[in-house]
Amino acid sequence: MDPVIVVGSGPVGLSLSLALAGHGVPSVLLDEGPGKDEPRPARSVVLHSDTAAMVHRLGCTTLRDEGARYAAWRTMRRRQETGRITFEDHPAPLHLPQHALTRGLRAAAADHPLIQLVTDSKLDSLEQDGHGVTAHTRGAETTWWRGSHLVGCDGARSTVRKLLGIRFPGRTAVERHAVAALRAELPWPGEALLHRNPPSGPEEITARPLPDGVWRLDWLLPARGELVTPDSLVTLIRDTLALWCGGSTPPYDLIDTGVHTLHHRLARRWRDGRAFLAGDAAHLLGALGTQGVEEGLRDAENLAWKLALDWHQGASDALLDSYEGERRTAVAARLRAADQALPALRGGGGLRTLLPGAGRSAEALLTDGHVGRGPLGGRPVYAPPVAVREVPTDTEPGGAVANVPVSAPDGSTVPLRDLLGRGRLLVLLVAPGTGVWDRRHWLGAGLMPRLAAAVTALPVPADLLVADGYPGAPAHTVLLVRPDGHLAATFSGVRPAELYAAADAVRAGAPAGAPATPAPVID
């Protein structure tokens, strides 16, 4: 079968190709440029626990050495500290330069036998039929490519989106920031800062740590204002550092600068037959602490397993449609929350009539976007295909599962999220005490033989796992987890027919023309 064609080799395109490879699907990754990225420390990304785990699982090795986790998140208003969040009970956000993320992903892709990286190749046409997509590129080598599917990860000016005739409505210049990366000693080593309404200058400043004493500083500017000159940016830097360091500007080394203008746009459609959009080609966001790259990584994780199922055994149109249904809905909710908050946070209006949680401070709402909580920053929850929740847990159906230690098929104990991205469902039994047993013992004990038979009979491949515990789940709870780590259903004990029906709902039914397979009867 033909490989998947991925257009665009930024973080989203690279992640999609690597995710597809994890599912055993080959891809051709078309890069319009030379395959190298200019180092720009002032252009950075923030990854929260789910996306950081995904990128690590894909083989990116730059997270550890070139990323920094916040020691805390500090908020100030005028001259007073108004709050401080630490991360003892959950992972801190990971902050790293975007070029470091891209370089690590590209190195992993270059080493993978299922990924063909093609540089200096610009897409200029595509055609679809009932069996695949044909794409034409020009550049170093003008040629035609044949793929089973095509995914446009080619950025805000997406050629794929334009060739498909998909509209990209939204708002221009929602926010504008002056940005600088510099090395300096600040009073709170390793702690990120949100400073609202300082005594003078811009109404909002953020400082986020990078390794080796480097900081990224952002100053909120008027959406449509004067150009930021080098002299004016140096003045901002000196005044800000003096404000934070007792009135005098400490020594600093200016590494990189820029001005970032943020737009809010959402493509009308994310699927056209066998062609799809992901990342900035499908959506633009970034105001109020939201993260466009991170949402693009979630696009890739959501789409990869669905394309893989179609590539290996055929998938229903409903499953392929669910990519747009789930991801577009999640991003639209994020954009809606930001658009509702912007007039109040930037225009001085009241929050009470605009947002849930009336009475929360502006600092608290902005903090949500930056640290990954609430409507501005929380992980997406997808509507489950079936309302099976026999046992309530701390994870609602459709939410991302907790990263608990589990006993894997090979007998090892690993974090649950390490087993995602392999094209298989995960069936997790909560069985306290099994962590001290060898797998050969607990496989033949209690509920396991019957559950193992039910898992073997599922309509899509699945792995059976065991955990000593899961947040909020009593003993003998069975959780069905999608390949992208979202909870599909929970059961009390072994329910073969119900488990089969839930797995069938996850794949949105058999592909068109395939004979229906009844659920097995397991004694």
Protein backbone atom coordinates (compact mmCIF):
# COMPACT_ATOMS: atom_id res chain seq x y z
CA MET A 1 0.00 0.00 0.00
CA ASP A 2 1.20 3.54 -0.73
CA PRO A 3 2.70 5.63 2.10
CA VAL A 4 0.99 8.62 3.66
CA ILE A 5 2.18 11.93 2.18
CA VAL A 6 2.92 14.53 4.87
CA VAL A 7 3.43 18.07 3.58
CA GLY A 8 5.52 20.26 5.88
CA SER A 9 8.38 19.27 8.17
CA GLY A 10 7.85 21.49 11.18
CA PRO A 11 7.14 19.98 14.61
CA VAL A 12 3.63 18.85 13.58
CA GLY A 13 4.59 17.21 10.29
CA LEU A 14 7.60 15.48 11.85
CA SER A 15 5.51 14.29 14.80
CA LEU A 16 2.81 12.95 12.49
CA SER A 17 5.31 10.97 10.41
CA LEU A 18 6.92 9.56 13.56
CA ALA A 19 3.53 8.73 15.06
CA LEU A 20 2.51 6.96 11.86
CA ALA A 21 5.78 5.02 11.92
CA GLY A 22 5.02 3.95 15.48
CA HIS A 23 1.80 2.45 14.13
CA GLY A 24 3.73 0.70 11.36
CA VAL A 25 2.71 3.10 8.58
CA PRO A 26 5.30 4.49 6.12
CA SER A 27 5.25 8.14 5.08
CA VAL A 28 6.87 10.54 2.65
CA LEU A 29 7.64 13.84 4.38
CA LEU A 30 7.89 16.74 1.92
CA ASP A 31 9.95 19.69 3.12
CA GLU A 32 9.82 22.89 1.10
CA GLY A 33 13.12 24.03 2.62
CA PRO A 34 16.62 22.57 2.97
CA GLY A 35 15.86 20.53 6.10
CA LYS A 36 17.59 22.86 8.55
CA ASP A 37 16.22 25.38 11.05
CA GLU A 38 17.78 28.67 12.06
CA PRO A 39 18.36 28.74 15.83
CA ARG A 40 15.94 31.28 17.32
CA PRO A 41 15.83 31.11 21.14
CA ALA A 42 13.19 33.87 21.19
CA ARG A 43 10.80 31.49 19.42
CA SER A 44 9.98 28.82 21.96
CA VAL A 45 7.24 26.32 22.80
CA VAL A 46 5.68 25.06 25.99
CA LEU A 47 4.76 21.39 26.36
CA HIS A 48 2.53 20.02 29.09
CA SER A 49 2.57 16.48 30.43
CA ASP A 50 0.64 14.80 27.59
CA THR A 51 2.50 16.42 24.70
CA ALA A 52 5.90 16.17 26.41
CA ALA A 53 5.29 12.43 26.90
CA MET A 54 4.25 12.10 23.26
CA VAL A 55 7.36 13.86 21.94
CA HIS A 56 9.60 11.78 24.20
CA ARG A 57 7.88 8.59 22.99
CA LEU A 58 8.52 9.64 19.38
CA GLY A 59 12.26 9.64 20.05
CA CYS A 60 13.01 13.35 20.42
CA THR A 61 16.21 13.55 22.48
CA THR A 62 16.49 17.32 22.88
CA LEU A 63 13.88 17.70 25.63
CA ARG A 64 16.22 16.80 28.49
CA ASP A 65 19.21 18.96 27.56
CA GLU A 66 17.54 21.93 25.86
CA GLY A 67 14.28 22.20 27.78
CA ALA A 68 13.60 23.65 31.22
CA ARG A 69 10.74 22.79 33.56
CA TYR A 70 9.34 25.65 35.61
CA ALA A 71 10.32 25.47 39.26
CA ALA A 72 7.17 27.51 39.96
CA TRP A 73 4.76 29.93 38.32
CA ARG A 74 4.72 33.33 39.99
CA THR A 75 2.22 36.17 39.41
CA MET A 76 2.61 39.85 40.23
CA ARG A 77 0.36 42.88 39.92
CA ARG A 78 1.94 46.32 40.01
CA ARG A 79 4.71 45.79 42.59
CA GLN A 80 3.06 43.05 44.65
CA GLU A 81 3.24 39.28 44.32
CA THR A 82 -0.30 37.90 43.99
CA GLY A 83 0.32 34.17 43.73
CA ARG A 84 2.79 31.34 43.33
CA ILE A 85 2.11 27.83 42.00
CA THR A 86 4.45 24.92 42.54
CA PHE A 87 4.29 21.57 40.78
CA GLU A 88 4.80 18.93 43.46
CA ASP A 89 1.57 17.10 42.60
CA HIS A 90 1.77 17.24 38.78
CA PRO A 91 4.47 17.74 36.11
CA ALA A 92 5.60 21.28 35.48
CA PRO A 93 5.36 22.71 31.94
CA LEU A 94 8.42 22.11 29.79
CA HIS A 95 9.81 25.15 27.94
CA LEU A 96 12.28 24.83 25.06
CA PRO A 97 13.26 26.63 21.84
CA GLN A 98 11.15 25.52 18.90
CA HIS A 99 14.25 24.88 16.78
CA ALA A 100 15.49 22.42 19.43
CA LEU A 101 12.19 20.54 19.33
CA THR A 102 12.24 20.44 15.53
CA ARG A 103 15.87 19.31 15.43
CA GLY A 104 15.21 16.45 17.83
CA LEU A 105 12.17 15.28 15.91
CA ARG A 106 14.00 15.57 12.58
CA ALA A 107 16.88 13.45 13.88
CA ALA A 108 14.41 10.77 14.99
CA ALA A 109 12.65 10.87 11.61
CA ALA A 110 15.92 10.68 9.67
CA ASP A 111 16.81 7.47 11.52
CA HIS A 112 13.45 5.76 10.98
CA PRO A 113 13.23 3.30 8.07
CA LEU A 114 9.52 4.01 7.52
CA ILE A 115 10.03 7.75 6.92
CA GLN A 116 11.35 9.22 3.66
CA LEU A 117 12.44 12.82 4.17
CA VAL A 118 12.46 14.84 0.94
CA THR A 119 13.89 18.38 1.05
CA ASP A 120 13.56 21.25 -1.42
CA SER A 121 10.19 19.93 -2.61
CA LYS A 122 7.30 22.38 -2.87
CA LEU A 123 3.82 21.02 -3.46
CA ASP A 124 2.01 22.68 -6.36
CA SER A 125 -0.89 20.32 -7.17
CA LEU A 126 -2.77 17.31 -5.87
CA GLU A 127 -5.42 14.96 -7.18
CA GLN A 128 -7.60 12.45 -5.35
CA ASP A 129 -9.39 9.26 -6.32
CA GLY A 130 -11.09 6.49 -4.42
CA HIS A 131 -7.83 4.75 -3.55
CA GLY A 132 -5.37 7.52 -2.78
CA VAL A 133 -3.83 10.91 -3.49
CA THR A 134 -1.37 11.98 -6.19
CA ALA A 135 0.77 15.03 -5.41
CA HIS A 136 3.16 16.97 -7.64
CA THR A 137 6.17 18.83 -6.31
CA ARG A 138 8.74 21.11 -7.85
CA GLY A 139 12.18 22.05 -6.58
CA ALA A 140 15.40 20.09 -6.54
CA GLU A 141 13.47 17.23 -8.10
CA THR A 142 10.19 17.76 -9.94
CA THR A 143 8.14 14.64 -9.58
CA TRP A 144 4.80 13.02 -8.75
CA TRP A 145 4.13 11.24 -5.46
CA ARG A 146 1.44 8.65 -4.78
CA GLY A 147 0.01 8.25 -1.28
CA SER A 148 -2.82 6.50 0.51
CA HIS A 149 -3.64 9.80 2.25
CA LEU A 150 -2.17 13.31 2.35
CA VAL A 151 -1.90 15.59 5.39
CA GLY A 152 -1.15 19.30 5.12
CA CYS A 153 1.09 20.33 8.03
CA ASP A 154 2.45 23.22 6.01
CA GLY A 155 1.68 26.17 8.23
CA ALA A 156 -0.50 29.25 8.25
CA ARG A 157 -0.10 29.85 4.50
CA SER A 158 -0.84 26.20 3.76
CA THR A 159 -0.63 25.24 0.09
CA VAL A 160 -2.66 22.11 0.84
CA ARG A 161 -5.49 24.15 2.32
CA LYS A 162 -5.51 26.47 -0.68
CA LEU A 163 -5.46 23.61 -3.20
CA LEU A 164 -8.42 22.05 -1.40
CA GLY A 165 -10.31 25.34 -1.48
CA ILE A 166 -10.88 25.41 2.29
CA ARG A 167 -11.64 28.79 3.86
CA PHE A 168 -9.60 29.99 6.85
CA PRO A 169 -11.67 32.67 8.61
CA GLY A 170 -10.79 34.37 11.86
CA ARG A 171 -9.27 37.44 13.46
CA THR A 172 -6.02 39.17 12.58
CA ALA A 173 -3.54 40.64 15.09
CA VAL A 174 -5.37 39.49 18.21
CA GLU A 175 -2.24 40.16 20.24
CA ARG A 176 1.25 41.45 19.52
CA HIS A 177 4.34 40.85 21.65
CA ALA A 178 7.90 42.08 21.65
CA VAL A 179 10.12 39.13 22.54
CA ALA A 180 13.71 38.77 23.70
CA ALA A 181 15.90 35.85 24.71
CA LEU A 182 18.66 36.91 27.07
CA ARG A 183 21.01 35.50 29.66
CA ALA A 184 20.74 37.19 33.05
CA GLU A 185 20.39 36.47 36.76
CA LEU A 186 16.82 37.17 37.90
CA PRO A 187 15.63 37.12 41.54
CA TRP A 188 13.65 33.86 41.10
CA PRO A 189 15.93 31.29 39.41
CA GLY A 190 13.98 28.80 37.31
CA GLU A 191 10.58 30.29 38.12
CA ALA A 192 8.32 31.69 35.42
CA LEU A 193 6.65 35.04 36.02
CA LEU A 194 3.49 36.75 34.85
CA HIS A 195 3.61 40.46 35.72
CA ARG A 196 0.39 42.42 35.17
CA ASN A 197 0.17 46.22 35.23
CA PRO A 198 3.74 47.02 36.25
CA PRO A 199 4.31 50.61 37.42
CA SER A 200 5.31 51.69 33.93
CA GLY A 201 5.58 50.33 30.41
CA PRO A 202 3.52 47.53 28.81
CA GLU A 203 0.50 46.25 30.73
CA GLU A 204 1.78 42.67 30.82
CA ILE A 205 5.21 41.02 30.89
CA THR A 206 6.07 37.32 31.10
CA ALA A 207 9.44 35.75 31.87
CA ARG A 208 10.01 32.03 31.24
CA PRO A 209 13.25 30.16 31.96
CA LEU A 210 15.32 28.20 29.47
CA PRO A 211 18.48 26.19 30.32
CA ASP A 212 21.84 27.81 31.11
CA GLY A 213 20.43 30.97 32.66
CA VAL A 214 18.58 32.04 29.50
CA TRP A 215 15.14 33.65 29.73
CA ARG A 216 12.44 34.42 27.21
CA LEU A 217 10.75 37.74 28.00
CA ASP A 218 7.48 38.85 26.34
CA TRP A 219 5.99 42.34 26.48
CA LEU A 220 2.37 42.80 25.44
CA LEU A 221 2.11 45.56 22.83
CA PRO A 222 -0.88 47.35 21.34
CA ALA A 223 -2.31 45.08 18.61
CA ARG A 224 -1.74 47.77 16.01
CA GLY A 225 0.95 50.14 17.14
CA GLU A 226 4.26 51.64 16.21
CA LEU A 227 7.13 49.51 14.97
CA VAL A 228 9.43 48.17 17.68
CA THR A 229 12.89 49.57 17.02
CA PRO A 230 16.10 48.08 18.43
CA ASP A 231 16.49 51.09 20.71
CA SER A 232 12.96 50.81 22.07
CA LEU A 233 13.41 47.08 22.71
CA VAL A 234 16.67 47.69 24.60
CA THR A 235 14.81 50.28 26.69
CA LEU A 236 12.11 47.70 27.49
CA ILE A 237 14.74 45.18 28.54
CA ARG A 238 16.67 47.60 30.74
CA ASP A 239 13.56 49.02 32.41
CA THR A 240 12.09 45.57 33.06
CA LEU A 241 15.27 44.13 34.53
CA ALA A 242 15.69 47.19 36.72
CA LEU A 243 12.09 46.83 37.93
CA TRP A 244 12.70 43.24 38.98
CA CYS A 245 16.24 43.70 40.33
CA GLY A 246 15.93 46.50 42.84
CA GLY A 247 16.11 49.53 40.57
CA SER A 248 19.35 48.90 38.69
CA THR A 249 19.80 46.92 35.48
CA PRO A 250 21.96 43.83 36.06
CA PRO A 251 24.41 42.59 33.43
CA TYR A 252 22.71 40.67 30.63
CA ASP A 253 23.60 39.07 27.32
CA LEU A 254 21.01 39.66 24.58
CA ILE A 255 20.79 36.55 22.37
CA ASP A 256 17.73 36.97 20.15
CA THR A 257 14.78 39.30 19.62
CA GLY A 258 11.56 39.40 17.64
CA VAL A 259 8.00 40.70 17.40
CA HIS A 260 5.25 38.07 17.36
CA THR A 261 1.80 38.93 16.04
CA LEU A 262 -0.84 36.39 17.05
CA HIS A 263 -3.89 35.57 14.96
CA HIS A 264 -6.99 33.48 15.66
CA ARG A 265 -8.17 31.43 12.68
CA LEU A 266 -9.95 28.11 12.23
CA ALA A 267 -10.26 26.22 8.94
CA ARG A 268 -13.84 25.46 7.93
CA ARG A 269 -12.99 21.85 7.16
CA TRP A 270 -10.10 19.64 8.26
CA ARG A 271 -10.84 16.75 5.90
CA ASP A 272 -11.46 16.58 2.18
CA GLY A 273 -11.69 12.95 1.07
CA ARG A 274 -8.27 11.45 1.68
CA ALA A 275 -6.64 14.83 2.43
CA PHE A 276 -6.44 16.36 5.92
CA LEU A 277 -5.14 19.50 7.63
CA ALA A 278 -3.21 19.67 10.91
CA GLY A 279 -1.36 22.26 12.97
CA ASP A 280 -1.20 25.87 11.77
CA ALA A 281 -2.69 24.81 8.44
CA ALA A 282 -5.91 24.05 10.35
CA HIS A 283 -5.83 26.59 13.19
CA LEU A 284 -3.99 29.61 14.54
CA LEU A 285 -4.07 30.46 18.23
CA GLY A 286 -1.65 31.68 20.85
CA ALA A 287 -3.25 34.53 22.77
CA LEU A 288 -3.54 34.44 26.56
CA GLY A 289 -0.95 31.73 26.98
CA THR A 290 -2.47 29.15 24.64
CA GLN A 291 -0.02 27.11 22.59
CA GLY A 292 -0.46 26.59 18.85
CA VAL A 293 2.39 24.09 18.46
CA GLU A 294 1.06 21.98 21.31
CA GLU A 295 -2.41 21.83 19.77
CA GLY A 296 -0.77 20.78 16.49
CA LEU A 297 0.97 17.91 18.28
CA ARG A 298 -2.41 16.80 19.63
CA ASP A 299 -3.74 16.92 16.06
CA ALA A 300 -0.96 14.56 14.99
CA GLU A 301 -1.56 12.13 17.83
CA ASN A 302 -5.31 12.05 17.19
CA LEU A 303 -5.01 11.61 13.42
CA ALA A 304 -2.15 9.10 13.33
CA TRP A 305 -3.94 6.12 14.85
CA LYS A 306 -7.03 6.67 12.72
CA LEU A 307 -5.03 6.81 9.50
CA ALA A 308 -3.08 3.76 10.67
CA LEU A 309 -6.25 1.76 11.25
CA ASP A 310 -7.45 2.70 7.76
CA TRP A 311 -4.04 1.87 6.26
CA HIS A 312 -3.77 -1.56 7.90
CA GLN A 313 -7.32 -2.90 7.85
CA GLY A 314 -9.66 -0.25 6.54
CA ALA A 315 -11.63 2.23 8.63
CA SER A 316 -15.08 3.69 8.42
CA ASP A 317 -15.66 7.19 7.11
CA ALA A 318 -17.08 7.96 10.54
CA LEU A 319 -13.70 7.25 12.18
CA LEU A 320 -11.82 9.46 9.70
CA ASP A 321 -14.46 12.17 10.14
CA SER A 322 -14.01 11.97 13.91
CA TYR A 323 -10.56 13.57 13.57
CA GLU A 324 -12.17 16.83 12.50
CA GLY A 325 -15.07 16.35 14.90
CA GLU A 326 -12.82 15.91 17.93
CA ARG A 327 -9.89 18.17 17.19
CA ARG A 328 -11.73 21.04 15.54
CA THR A 329 -14.24 21.07 18.40
CA ALA A 330 -11.43 21.13 20.98
CA VAL A 331 -9.52 23.95 19.27
CA ALA A 332 -12.72 25.91 18.65
CA ALA A 333 -13.50 25.73 22.38
CA ARG A 334 -10.01 27.01 23.15
CA LEU A 335 -10.41 29.90 20.69
CA ARG A 336 -13.87 30.68 22.02
CA ALA A 337 -12.58 30.85 25.60
CA ALA A 338 -9.75 33.17 24.58
CA ASP A 339 -12.02 35.39 22.50
CA GLN A 340 -14.47 35.66 25.41
CA ALA A 341 -11.70 36.56 27.84
CA LEU A 342 -9.83 39.03 25.66
CA PRO A 343 -12.20 42.01 25.98
CA ALA A 344 -12.19 41.73 29.75
CA LEU A 345 -8.49 41.03 30.19
CA ARG A 346 -7.26 43.55 27.65
CA GLY A 347 -10.03 46.13 27.71
CA GLY A 348 -10.66 46.40 31.43
CA GLY A 349 -14.23 45.05 31.31
CA GLY A 350 -15.74 42.77 33.91
CA LEU A 351 -15.24 39.04 33.76
CA ARG A 352 -18.46 38.13 35.51
CA THR A 353 -20.70 38.22 32.45
CA LEU A 354 -18.18 36.70 30.06
CA LEU A 355 -16.69 33.58 31.55
CA PRO A 356 -17.56 30.68 33.83
CA GLY A 357 -15.92 30.98 37.22
CA ALA A 358 -16.93 34.61 37.72
CA GLY A 359 -14.90 36.34 40.37
CA ARG A 360 -11.60 34.76 39.35
CA SER A 361 -8.83 37.27 38.85
CA ALA A 362 -7.30 38.11 35.51
CA GLU A 363 -4.04 36.65 36.78
CA ALA A 364 -5.74 33.32 37.58
CA LEU A 365 -7.31 33.07 34.12
CA LEU A 366 -4.06 33.90 32.36
CA THR A 367 -2.20 31.45 34.58
CA ASP A 368 -4.59 28.70 33.41
CA GLY A 369 -3.51 29.29 29.81
CA HIS A 370 0.18 29.22 30.69
CA VAL A 371 0.27 26.21 33.03
CA GLY A 372 -2.28 24.02 31.21
CA ARG A 373 -5.52 24.27 33.18
CA GLY A 374 -9.14 25.24 32.56
CA PRO A 375 -10.74 26.27 29.26
CA LEU A 376 -7.65 28.22 28.16
CA GLY A 377 -5.09 25.51 28.83
CA GLY A 378 -6.54 22.17 29.94
CA ARG A 379 -6.12 18.96 27.99
CA PRO A 380 -8.98 18.17 25.61
CA VAL A 381 -11.82 15.82 26.48
CA TYR A 382 -13.43 14.12 23.50
CA ALA A 383 -17.06 13.03 23.50
CA PRO A 384 -16.92 9.23 23.95
CA PRO A 385 -18.53 7.17 21.17
CA VAL A 386 -20.50 5.17 23.73
CA ALA A 387 -21.65 6.28 27.15
CA VAL A 388 -20.13 3.32 29.04
CA ARG A 389 -19.05 4.34 32.49
CA GLU A 390 -20.06 1.57 34.81
CA VAL A 391 -17.37 2.68 37.26
CA PRO A 392 -16.63 6.37 37.82
CA THR A 393 -12.93 7.25 37.97
CA ASP A 394 -11.04 10.49 38.32
CA THR A 395 -10.76 10.52 34.49
CA GLU A 396 -13.98 11.31 32.71
CA PRO A 397 -14.73 9.37 29.51
CA GLY A 398 -12.92 11.02 26.63
CA GLY A 399 -10.27 12.52 28.90
CA ALA A 400 -6.55 11.76 28.87
CA VAL A 401 -5.70 8.83 31.14
CA ALA A 402 -3.49 9.18 34.19
CA ASN A 403 0.09 8.07 33.65
CA VAL A 404 0.05 5.27 36.23
CA PRO A 405 2.66 2.47 36.34
CA VAL A 406 1.39 -0.67 34.57
CA SER A 407 2.62 -4.19 33.95
CA ALA A 408 3.29 -4.40 30.21
CA PRO A 409 2.89 -7.50 27.98
CA ASP A 410 6.61 -8.29 28.29
CA GLY A 411 6.41 -8.30 32.09
CA SER A 412 8.09 -4.94 32.62
CA THR A 413 6.60 -2.11 34.67
CA VAL A 414 6.36 1.14 32.71
CA PRO A 415 4.32 4.37 32.75
CA LEU A 416 1.03 3.87 30.92
CA ARG A 417 1.70 6.62 28.39
CA ASP A 418 4.89 4.87 27.25
CA LEU A 419 2.69 2.18 25.67
CA LEU A 420 0.63 4.56 23.54
CA GLY A 421 1.20 5.18 19.86
CA ARG A 422 1.54 1.54 18.80
CA GLY A 423 -1.73 1.22 16.91
CA ARG A 424 -3.37 -0.84 19.63
CA LEU A 425 -6.12 -0.34 22.17
CA LEU A 426 -5.12 -0.78 25.80
CA VAL A 427 -7.29 -2.75 28.22
CA LEU A 428 -6.26 -2.03 31.79
CA LEU A 429 -7.35 -4.10 34.79
CA VAL A 430 -7.04 -2.50 38.21
CA ALA A 431 -5.86 -5.32 40.47
CA PRO A 432 -4.18 -4.25 43.73
CA GLY A 433 -1.21 -6.38 44.65
CA THR A 434 -0.33 -7.65 41.18
CA GLY A 435 2.68 -5.38 41.04
CA VAL A 436 4.60 -7.85 43.19
CA TRP A 437 3.70 -10.89 41.04
CA ASP A 438 5.40 -12.22 37.97
CA ARG A 439 3.26 -11.88 34.86
CA ARG A 440 3.17 -15.66 34.38
CA HIS A 441 1.39 -15.95 37.74
CA TRP A 442 -1.27 -13.28 37.44
CA LEU A 443 -2.14 -14.15 33.83
CA GLY A 444 -3.73 -17.37 35.04
CA ALA A 445 -5.36 -16.02 38.20
CA GLY A 446 -8.74 -14.57 39.06
CA LEU A 447 -10.41 -12.55 36.28
CA MET A 448 -7.43 -12.67 33.96
CA PRO A 449 -8.12 -15.77 31.82
CA ARG A 450 -11.61 -14.57 30.94
CA LEU A 451 -10.46 -10.98 30.36
CA ALA A 452 -7.53 -12.17 28.23
CA ALA A 453 -9.93 -14.16 26.04
CA ALA A 454 -12.21 -11.11 25.68
CA VAL A 455 -9.25 -8.92 24.67
CA THR A 456 -8.09 -11.45 22.08
CA ALA A 457 -11.58 -11.41 20.50
CA LEU A 458 -11.79 -7.61 20.10
CA PRO A 459 -12.31 -6.25 16.55
CA VAL A 460 -9.05 -4.27 16.68
CA PRO A 461 -5.69 -5.28 18.19
CA ALA A 462 -5.37 -4.60 21.91
CA ASP A 463 -2.89 -5.16 24.75
CA LEU A 464 -3.91 -6.34 28.19
CA LEU A 465 -2.29 -4.44 31.07
CA VAL A 466 -2.56 -4.56 34.84
CA ALA A 467 -2.11 -1.78 37.39
CA ASP A 468 -2.01 -1.84 41.19
CA GLY A 469 -4.30 1.17 41.16
CA TYR A 470 -5.86 3.95 39.12
CA PRO A 471 -7.09 7.30 40.52
CA GLY A 472 -10.68 6.92 41.72
CA ALA A 473 -11.10 3.33 40.47
CA PRO A 474 -11.92 0.41 42.78
CA ALA A 475 -10.41 -3.04 42.40
CA HIS A 476 -11.48 -5.05 39.33
CA THR A 477 -12.24 -1.95 37.26
CA VAL A 478 -11.49 -2.47 33.57
CA LEU A 479 -10.55 0.60 31.51
CA LEU A 480 -10.58 0.71 27.71
CA VAL A 481 -8.01 3.23 26.43
CA ARG A 482 -7.69 4.52 22.86
CA PRO A 483 -4.32 4.41 21.08
CA ASP A 484 -3.90 8.14 21.73
CA GLY A 485 -4.39 7.77 25.49
CA HIS A 486 -7.99 8.95 25.86
CA LEU A 487 -10.36 6.93 28.02
CA ALA A 488 -13.11 5.22 26.00
CA ALA A 489 -15.03 3.26 28.65
CA THR A 490 -14.89 1.75 32.15
CA PHE A 491 -16.44 -1.50 33.35
CA SER A 492 -16.93 -3.30 36.63
CA GLY A 493 -15.24 -6.64 36.10
CA VAL A 494 -15.14 -8.60 32.85
CA ARG A 495 -17.93 -7.75 30.39
CA PRO A 496 -16.91 -9.37 27.07
CA ALA A 497 -19.90 -8.26 24.99
CA GLU A 498 -19.85 -4.71 26.36
CA LEU A 499 -16.08 -4.49 25.94
CA TYR A 500 -16.38 -5.65 22.35
CA ALA A 501 -19.13 -3.10 21.66
CA ALA A 502 -17.04 -0.30 23.17
CA ALA A 503 -14.00 -1.27 21.09
CA ASP A 504 -16.17 -1.38 17.98
CA ALA A 505 -17.47 2.09 18.85
CA VAL A 506 -13.90 3.39 19.24
CA ARG A 507 -13.18 2.37 15.65
CA ALA A 508 -16.60 3.83 14.68
CA GLY A 509 -17.75 0.50 13.27
CA ALA A 510 -16.42 -1.66 10.50
CA PRO A 511 -15.34 -0.04 7.21
CA ALA A 512 -17.91 0.20 4.45
CA GLY A 513 -18.44 -3.12 2.72
CA ALA A 514 -16.89 -5.20 5.49
CA PRO A 515 -19.09 -7.94 6.96
CA ALA A 516 -20.38 -7.26 10.44
CA THR A 517 -18.76 -9.45 13.08
CA PRO A 518 -20.92 -10.22 16.10
CA ALA A 519 -19.46 -9.95 19.57
CA PRO A 520 -18.10 -13.28 20.77
CA VAL A 521 -19.71 -15.22 23.58
CA ILE A 522 -17.08 -16.00 26.22
CA ASP A 523 -17.99 -18.29 29.06
